[in-house]
Amino acid sequence: MAFLIVLGVLLVFLVVLLAKTIRIVPQARAGIVERFGKYKETLPAGLNTVVPFVDKVRYQIDLREQVVSFPPQPVITEDNLVVSIDTVIYFQVTDPVAATYEIANYIQAVEQLTMTTLRNIVGGMTLEETLTSRESINSGLRGVLDEATGKWGIRVNRVEIKGIDPPPSIKDSMEKQMRADRDKRAQILTAEGGRQAAILTAEGQKQSAILTAEGERESQILRAQAERESQILRAQGEGQAIQTVFQAIHDGRPDQSLLAYQYLQMMPKIAEGDANKVWIVPSEIGKALEGLGSTMSQLTGIPTEVDGPRTRVDMGPSEVPEVGTVAGSAAHDAVKQAIAAAESAAHPERTDPAVDPTNVPPEPPRE
């Protein structure tokens, strides 16, 4: 029984001794070994052995790049405005021994160093510069931190500013300023658009007016040419008509019967109209017509005799019936009846036979 007890104690001692001798360090870690409270060596990743009960693995340092976010800190700018700035630090331990024995808490040290450096950098900037100069602030922080943490066995790879929060009153003023600036730019753009639209409209109206004027000019030219040609043709036609009528009159040898007939044709037109209430036909109209015919037949230009044959205008038979003949008497009676019909149509209430043209005695036949 005593032997078994001793054997059991030895086994337990061996297990403890083995456990104290073998040390396994994870990947990207470094073990700091102390012997009697003094640094002895640094264990790399993997399986390592130490002297049991003499050497002790005091710390395991993480060699990976670490990210630490610091809470917002109040910072005063050059124009005496308090802003809250929170930062993010990316660092890595390069010397486990220095990170262990040169500083007690390197994360806290980095945080405090970041805040003091940030106050120093932002204190020389205005609020506007602080909001627009993040890259320069990040570069300044990284340079100062990397230089200060080098002796701690730490390398600062990157510094980022997460946010810069000005006071609420400043935010409101900035929003108003931004809104006013945007309104100004919108008005400028609107004015420029209106100016361009007005210019284009004016140019279009100018081109339209020019084209309209050119078209009107060409139209007037064409109308004038058409009017000129029309007047020329009309004048030529009137000249030909006058020449034809004049030649027909000369070839027809008009006498007093034709003139009297033309005169009687105009008398009903004279009687037309509402204003012609009274129209008196003289009883001597026959003699007047004979005198008119004899007078017109003696006018200059109307030939009494024809020297040659009439061939230019065919006006029908050229012989005029004598007044003393049967045909002449019939024509004279027809003229009297036409005069009586015209008088009765103009004055149906008159029945005095003294003024009746039909009672005019017939003229003796002429030789």
Protein backbone atom coordinates (compact mmCIF):
# COMPACT_ATOMS: atom_id res chain seq x y z
CA MET A 1 0.00 0.00 0.00
CA ALA A 2 2.86 2.36 0.88
CA PHE A 3 4.53 1.48 -2.44
CA LEU A 4 1.42 2.30 -4.35
CA ILE A 5 1.11 5.58 -2.58
CA VAL A 6 4.70 6.49 -3.33
CA LEU A 7 4.22 5.49 -6.98
CA GLY A 8 1.14 7.62 -7.24
CA VAL A 9 2.95 10.60 -5.79
CA LEU A 10 5.80 10.13 -8.25
CA LEU A 11 3.38 10.02 -11.20
CA VAL A 12 1.70 13.18 -10.06
CA PHE A 13 5.08 14.87 -9.67
CA LEU A 14 6.12 13.79 -13.14
CA VAL A 15 2.92 15.15 -14.63
CA VAL A 16 3.36 18.46 -12.87
CA LEU A 17 7.01 18.59 -13.83
CA LEU A 18 6.16 17.91 -17.45
CA ALA A 19 3.50 20.58 -17.38
CA LYS A 20 5.94 23.08 -15.95
CA THR A 21 8.55 22.22 -18.52
CA ILE A 22 6.56 22.30 -21.77
CA ARG A 23 5.03 25.62 -22.92
CA ILE A 24 2.96 26.01 -26.09
CA VAL A 25 2.78 29.54 -27.51
CA PRO A 26 -0.03 30.25 -30.04
CA GLN A 27 0.62 31.70 -33.50
CA ALA A 28 1.33 35.45 -33.64
CA ARG A 29 2.06 35.46 -29.94
CA ALA A 30 5.31 35.87 -28.02
CA GLY A 31 5.94 34.50 -24.48
CA ILE A 32 8.02 36.51 -22.03
CA VAL A 33 9.97 34.16 -19.71
CA GLU A 34 11.22 35.35 -16.36
CA ARG A 35 13.65 33.52 -14.08
CA PHE A 36 13.42 34.50 -10.46
CA GLY A 37 11.52 37.66 -11.49
CA LYS A 38 14.02 38.72 -14.13
CA TYR A 39 13.60 38.61 -17.87
CA LYS A 40 15.28 35.56 -19.37
CA GLU A 41 14.03 35.01 -22.91
CA THR A 42 11.18 35.34 -25.38
CA LEU A 43 9.43 32.19 -26.48
CA PRO A 44 8.38 32.04 -30.13
CA ALA A 45 5.15 30.45 -31.35
CA GLY A 46 5.02 26.70 -31.05
CA LEU A 47 6.30 24.10 -28.55
CA ASN A 48 8.90 25.38 -26.06
CA THR A 49 10.56 24.01 -22.91
CA VAL A 50 11.58 25.90 -19.80
CA VAL A 51 13.18 24.98 -16.52
CA PRO A 52 10.37 23.90 -14.25
CA PHE A 53 9.87 25.73 -11.01
CA VAL A 54 12.60 28.18 -12.05
CA ASP A 55 11.44 29.81 -15.33
CA LYS A 56 7.96 31.27 -15.61
CA VAL A 57 6.08 32.56 -18.67
CA ARG A 58 4.96 35.90 -17.28
CA TYR A 59 3.23 37.48 -20.36
CA GLN A 60 1.98 36.48 -23.80
CA ILE A 61 2.15 39.46 -26.14
CA ASP A 62 -0.15 39.63 -29.23
CA LEU A 63 1.97 40.48 -32.27
CA ARG A 64 -0.97 41.08 -34.63
CA GLU A 65 -2.09 44.55 -35.72
CA GLN A 66 -4.62 45.86 -33.28
CA VAL A 67 -7.41 48.40 -33.64
CA VAL A 68 -8.34 50.60 -30.72
CA SER A 69 -11.20 53.11 -30.83
CA PHE A 70 -11.03 55.95 -28.36
CA PRO A 71 -14.14 57.75 -27.07
CA PRO A 72 -14.86 61.36 -28.18
CA GLN A 73 -12.71 63.98 -26.54
CA PRO A 74 -13.44 67.74 -26.34
CA VAL A 75 -10.97 69.83 -28.30
CA ILE A 76 -10.84 73.65 -28.53
CA THR A 77 -10.13 75.13 -31.96
CA GLU A 78 -8.27 78.33 -32.73
CA ASP A 79 -11.52 80.30 -32.92
CA ASN A 80 -12.49 79.12 -29.41
CA LEU A 81 -15.08 76.54 -30.42
CA VAL A 82 -15.32 73.22 -28.61
CA VAL A 83 -15.62 70.18 -30.85
CA SER A 84 -15.77 66.49 -29.98
CA ILE A 85 -13.33 64.28 -31.86
CA ASP A 86 -13.13 60.50 -31.67
CA THR A 87 -10.22 58.60 -33.22
CA VAL A 88 -9.20 55.10 -34.24
CA ILE A 89 -5.60 53.84 -33.89
CA TYR A 90 -4.12 50.93 -35.87
CA PHE A 91 -0.89 49.74 -34.19
CA GLN A 92 1.28 46.63 -33.90
CA VAL A 93 3.76 45.40 -31.27
CA THR A 94 7.18 44.96 -32.83
CA ASP A 95 9.22 44.41 -29.66
CA PRO A 96 7.47 42.30 -27.00
CA VAL A 97 10.13 42.95 -24.39
CA ALA A 98 9.94 46.75 -24.75
CA ALA A 99 6.14 46.64 -24.82
CA THR A 100 6.26 44.65 -21.58
CA TYR A 101 8.97 46.41 -19.59
CA GLU A 102 9.19 49.93 -21.07
CA ILE A 103 5.58 50.93 -20.32
CA ALA A 104 2.97 49.58 -17.97
CA ASN A 105 -0.10 49.92 -20.27
CA TYR A 106 0.77 50.82 -23.82
CA ILE A 107 -2.91 51.06 -24.94
CA GLN A 108 -3.66 53.70 -22.35
CA ALA A 109 -0.41 55.45 -23.18
CA VAL A 110 -1.34 55.56 -26.86
CA GLU A 111 -4.79 56.94 -26.02
CA GLN A 112 -3.44 59.77 -23.88
CA LEU A 113 -0.74 60.58 -26.38
CA THR A 114 -3.36 60.71 -29.12
CA MET A 115 -5.55 63.13 -27.19
CA THR A 116 -2.71 65.51 -26.33
CA THR A 117 -1.35 65.46 -29.87
CA LEU A 118 -4.84 66.03 -31.29
CA ARG A 119 -5.41 69.04 -29.04
CA ASN A 120 -2.08 70.44 -30.12
CA ILE A 121 -2.84 70.05 -33.83
CA VAL A 122 -6.50 71.14 -33.80
CA GLY A 123 -5.72 74.06 -31.46
CA GLY A 124 -3.89 75.75 -34.32
CA MET A 125 -6.80 75.37 -36.77
CA THR A 126 -10.14 77.07 -37.15
CA LEU A 127 -13.36 75.08 -37.21
CA GLU A 128 -13.57 75.33 -40.99
CA GLU A 129 -10.00 74.08 -41.37
CA THR A 130 -10.62 71.29 -38.88
CA LEU A 131 -13.64 70.04 -40.82
CA THR A 132 -11.82 70.12 -44.14
CA SER A 133 -8.31 68.99 -43.08
CA ARG A 134 -8.80 65.46 -41.81
CA GLU A 135 -6.00 64.06 -43.92
CA SER A 136 -3.45 66.52 -42.54
CA ILE A 137 -4.64 65.83 -38.99
CA ASN A 138 -4.28 62.09 -39.55
CA SER A 139 -0.77 62.50 -40.95
CA GLY A 140 0.33 64.73 -38.06
CA LEU A 141 -1.06 62.31 -35.47
CA ARG A 142 0.58 59.31 -37.07
CA GLY A 143 3.98 61.02 -37.22
CA VAL A 144 3.91 62.08 -33.58
CA LEU A 145 2.59 58.74 -32.29
CA ASP A 146 5.00 56.65 -34.32
CA GLU A 147 7.94 58.67 -33.05
CA ALA A 148 6.79 58.57 -29.43
CA THR A 149 5.83 54.86 -29.34
CA GLY A 150 8.97 53.60 -31.05
CA LYS A 151 10.79 53.12 -27.77
CA TRP A 152 7.80 51.18 -26.44
CA GLY A 153 8.18 48.56 -29.13
CA ILE A 154 4.98 49.71 -30.88
CA ARG A 155 4.52 50.85 -34.48
CA VAL A 156 1.51 53.03 -35.27
CA ASN A 157 0.40 52.12 -38.79
CA ARG A 158 -2.61 54.38 -39.25
CA VAL A 159 -4.64 57.01 -37.42
CA GLU A 160 -8.21 57.82 -38.45
CA ILE A 161 -10.63 60.45 -37.17
CA LYS A 162 -14.07 58.90 -36.91
CA GLY A 163 -16.02 62.06 -36.36
CA ILE A 164 -15.84 65.75 -35.57
CA ASP A 165 -18.96 67.06 -33.87
CA PRO A 166 -19.28 70.85 -33.41
CA PRO A 167 -21.77 72.32 -30.90
CA PRO A 168 -25.49 72.31 -31.80
CA SER A 169 -25.57 76.08 -32.30
CA ILE A 170 -22.65 75.85 -34.70
CA LYS A 171 -24.38 73.00 -36.53
CA ASP A 172 -27.49 75.12 -36.95
CA SER A 173 -25.44 78.05 -38.25
CA MET A 174 -23.56 75.80 -40.62
CA GLU A 175 -26.82 74.36 -41.94
CA LYS A 176 -28.20 77.85 -42.49
CA GLN A 177 -25.01 78.89 -44.25
CA MET A 178 -25.04 75.78 -46.37
CA ARG A 179 -28.72 76.30 -47.22
CA ALA A 180 -28.06 79.94 -48.13
CA ASP A 181 -25.11 78.93 -50.28
CA ARG A 182 -27.17 76.31 -52.06
CA ASP A 183 -30.01 78.80 -52.59
CA LYS A 184 -27.52 81.28 -54.01
CA ARG A 185 -26.09 78.71 -56.38
CA ALA A 186 -29.60 77.65 -57.38
CA GLN A 187 -30.53 81.26 -58.12
CA ILE A 188 -27.31 81.73 -60.08
CA LEU A 189 -27.99 78.61 -62.12
CA THR A 190 -31.59 79.70 -62.67
CA ALA A 191 -30.47 83.16 -63.77
CA GLU A 192 -27.87 81.70 -66.11
CA GLY A 193 -30.49 79.34 -67.54
CA GLY A 194 -32.90 82.23 -68.01
CA ARG A 195 -30.19 84.30 -69.69
CA GLN A 196 -29.29 81.48 -72.05
CA ALA A 197 -32.97 80.90 -72.79
CA ALA A 198 -33.48 84.63 -73.47
CA ILE A 199 -30.42 84.72 -75.74
CA LEU A 200 -31.57 81.68 -77.66
CA THR A 201 -35.10 83.07 -77.89
CA ALA A 202 -33.79 86.42 -79.14
CA GLU A 203 -31.58 84.71 -81.69
CA GLY A 204 -34.51 82.60 -82.84
CA GLN A 205 -36.74 85.67 -83.12
CA LYS A 206 -33.98 87.48 -85.00
CA GLN A 207 -33.59 84.63 -87.47
CA SER A 208 -37.37 84.38 -87.78
CA ALA A 209 -37.67 88.13 -88.43
CA ILE A 210 -34.89 87.98 -91.01
CA LEU A 211 -36.48 85.04 -92.78
CA THR A 212 -39.90 86.69 -92.58
CA ALA A 213 -38.52 89.93 -94.02
CA GLU A 214 -36.74 88.06 -96.80
CA GLY A 215 -39.89 86.11 -97.58
CA GLU A 216 -42.00 89.29 -97.50
CA ARG A 217 -39.54 91.03 -99.79
CA GLU A 218 -39.56 88.16 -102.26
CA SER A 219 -43.36 87.99 -102.00
CA GLN A 220 -43.69 91.72 -102.69
CA ILE A 221 -41.28 91.42 -105.60
CA LEU A 222 -43.27 88.53 -107.03
CA ARG A 223 -46.58 90.36 -106.46
CA ALA A 224 -45.19 93.50 -108.09
CA GLN A 225 -43.95 91.50 -111.05
CA ALA A 226 -47.32 89.73 -111.32
CA GLU A 227 -49.18 93.07 -111.01
CA ARG A 228 -46.95 94.62 -113.66
CA GLU A 229 -47.53 91.73 -116.03
CA SER A 230 -51.26 91.82 -115.24
CA GLN A 231 -51.45 95.56 -115.95
CA ILE A 232 -49.49 95.09 -119.16
CA LEU A 233 -51.80 92.31 -120.28
CA ARG A 234 -54.89 94.27 -119.18
CA ALA A 235 -53.70 97.37 -121.02
CA GLN A 236 -52.93 95.32 -124.10
CA GLY A 237 -56.40 93.73 -123.91
CA GLU A 238 -58.11 97.10 -123.40
CA GLY A 239 -56.13 98.54 -126.28
CA GLN A 240 -57.09 95.68 -128.54
CA ALA A 241 -60.75 95.97 -127.40
CA ILE A 242 -60.78 99.72 -128.02
CA GLN A 243 -59.14 99.23 -131.37
CA THR A 244 -61.67 96.53 -132.26
CA VAL A 245 -64.65 98.68 -131.14
CA PHE A 246 -63.28 101.74 -132.90
CA GLN A 247 -62.75 99.80 -136.10
CA ALA A 248 -66.21 98.22 -135.79
CA ILE A 249 -67.77 101.68 -135.39
CA HIS A 250 -65.93 102.98 -138.43
CA ASP A 251 -66.76 99.93 -140.47
CA GLY A 252 -70.42 99.92 -139.36
CA ARG A 253 -71.11 103.55 -140.30
CA PRO A 254 -73.55 104.32 -137.41
CA ASP A 255 -76.57 106.45 -138.28
CA GLN A 256 -79.19 108.28 -136.23
CA SER A 257 -81.35 105.15 -135.77
CA LEU A 258 -78.50 103.29 -134.03
CA LEU A 259 -77.71 106.27 -131.84
CA ALA A 260 -81.39 106.67 -130.93
CA TYR A 261 -81.59 102.98 -130.05
CA GLN A 262 -78.50 103.24 -127.83
CA TYR A 263 -80.01 106.27 -126.15
CA LEU A 264 -83.28 104.45 -125.48
CA GLN A 265 -81.38 101.56 -123.95
CA MET A 266 -80.00 103.90 -121.31
CA MET A 267 -83.37 105.44 -120.43
CA PRO A 268 -84.67 102.46 -118.32
CA LYS A 269 -81.42 102.53 -116.34
CA ILE A 270 -81.97 106.22 -115.68
CA ALA A 271 -85.47 105.40 -114.34
CA GLU A 272 -84.09 102.79 -111.95
CA GLY A 273 -83.57 103.58 -108.28
CA ASP A 274 -85.70 104.67 -105.33
CA ALA A 275 -84.65 108.32 -105.61
CA ASN A 276 -86.07 108.76 -109.14
CA LYS A 277 -89.70 109.57 -108.30
CA VAL A 278 -90.47 111.76 -111.34
CA TRP A 279 -89.24 111.11 -114.86
CA ILE A 280 -90.66 113.22 -117.72
CA VAL A 281 -90.34 112.09 -121.30
CA PRO A 282 -90.56 115.11 -123.63
CA SER A 283 -92.95 114.88 -126.55
CA GLU A 284 -90.22 116.13 -128.87
CA ILE A 285 -87.95 113.19 -128.12
CA GLY A 286 -88.30 111.90 -131.65
CA LYS A 287 -87.09 115.16 -133.13
CA ALA A 288 -84.36 115.31 -130.47
CA LEU A 289 -83.23 111.85 -131.44
CA GLU A 290 -83.28 112.78 -135.12
CA GLY A 291 -81.27 115.89 -134.36
CA LEU A 292 -78.90 113.88 -132.18
CA GLY A 293 -78.48 111.33 -134.93
CA SER A 294 -77.90 113.96 -137.58
CA THR A 295 -75.45 115.76 -135.31
CA MET A 296 -73.52 112.59 -134.38
CA SER A 297 -73.42 111.45 -137.98
CA GLN A 298 -71.57 114.64 -138.89
CA LEU A 299 -68.94 114.27 -136.17
CA THR A 300 -65.37 114.18 -137.22
CA GLY A 301 -63.99 110.71 -137.47
CA ILE A 302 -67.20 108.92 -138.51
CA PRO A 303 -66.91 108.22 -142.22
CA THR A 304 -69.94 108.85 -144.42
CA GLU A 305 -68.61 106.93 -147.33
CA VAL A 306 -66.49 103.85 -147.47
CA ASP A 307 -63.74 103.81 -149.99
CA GLY A 308 -63.10 100.10 -149.92
CA PRO A 309 -64.58 96.86 -148.75
CA ARG A 310 -64.92 96.20 -144.95
CA THR A 311 -63.00 93.03 -144.18
CA ARG A 312 -61.51 93.46 -140.68
CA VAL A 313 -64.71 93.15 -138.57
CA ASP A 314 -67.83 91.34 -139.73
CA MET A 315 -70.69 93.46 -138.41
CA GLY A 316 -73.49 91.93 -140.54
CA PRO A 317 -75.27 93.69 -143.42
CA SER A 318 -73.79 97.05 -144.25
CA GLU A 319 -76.87 98.64 -145.79
CA VAL A 320 -79.00 100.87 -143.54
CA PRO A 321 -82.73 101.12 -144.43
CA GLU A 322 -83.94 104.49 -145.54
CA VAL A 323 -86.51 106.32 -143.38
CA GLY A 324 -88.96 106.59 -146.22
CA THR A 325 -88.94 102.90 -146.97
CA VAL A 326 -91.07 100.24 -145.35
CA ALA A 327 -88.20 99.03 -143.20
CA GLY A 328 -87.45 102.61 -142.07
CA SER A 329 -91.06 103.25 -141.09
CA ALA A 330 -91.21 100.02 -139.13
CA ALA A 331 -88.08 100.95 -137.23
CA HIS A 332 -89.47 104.44 -136.52
CA ASP A 333 -92.74 102.98 -135.17
CA ALA A 334 -90.77 100.55 -133.02
CA VAL A 335 -88.85 103.45 -131.49
CA LYS A 336 -92.08 105.29 -130.68
CA GLN A 337 -93.59 102.22 -129.05
CA ALA A 338 -90.46 101.75 -126.95
CA ILE A 339 -90.64 105.38 -125.79
CA ALA A 340 -94.34 104.97 -124.86
CA ALA A 341 -93.62 101.78 -122.93
CA ALA A 342 -90.82 103.48 -121.04
CA GLU A 343 -93.03 106.47 -120.13
CA SER A 344 -95.96 104.30 -118.98
CA ALA A 345 -93.56 102.21 -116.87
CA ALA A 346 -92.14 105.34 -115.25
CA HIS A 347 -95.47 107.20 -114.75
CA PRO A 348 -98.46 104.84 -114.88
CA GLU A 349 -100.79 107.54 -113.39
CA ARG A 350 -100.45 109.91 -116.33
CA THR A 351 -103.15 109.46 -119.04
CA ASP A 352 -103.10 112.90 -120.71
CA PRO A 353 -103.14 112.27 -124.48
CA ALA A 354 -101.46 115.61 -125.01
CA VAL A 355 -98.20 114.25 -123.66
CA ASP A 356 -98.63 110.73 -124.94
CA PRO A 357 -95.74 110.05 -127.26
CA THR A 358 -97.90 107.66 -129.24
CA ASN A 359 -100.09 110.57 -130.35
CA VAL A 360 -97.18 112.30 -132.03
CA PRO A 361 -98.03 112.49 -135.74
CA PRO A 362 -95.74 110.56 -137.94
CA GLU A 363 -93.08 112.45 -139.79
CA PRO A 364 -93.32 112.62 -143.53
CA PRO A 365 -90.96 110.31 -145.29
CA ARG A 366 -87.67 111.71 -146.29
CA GLU A 367 -86.47 111.77 -149.83
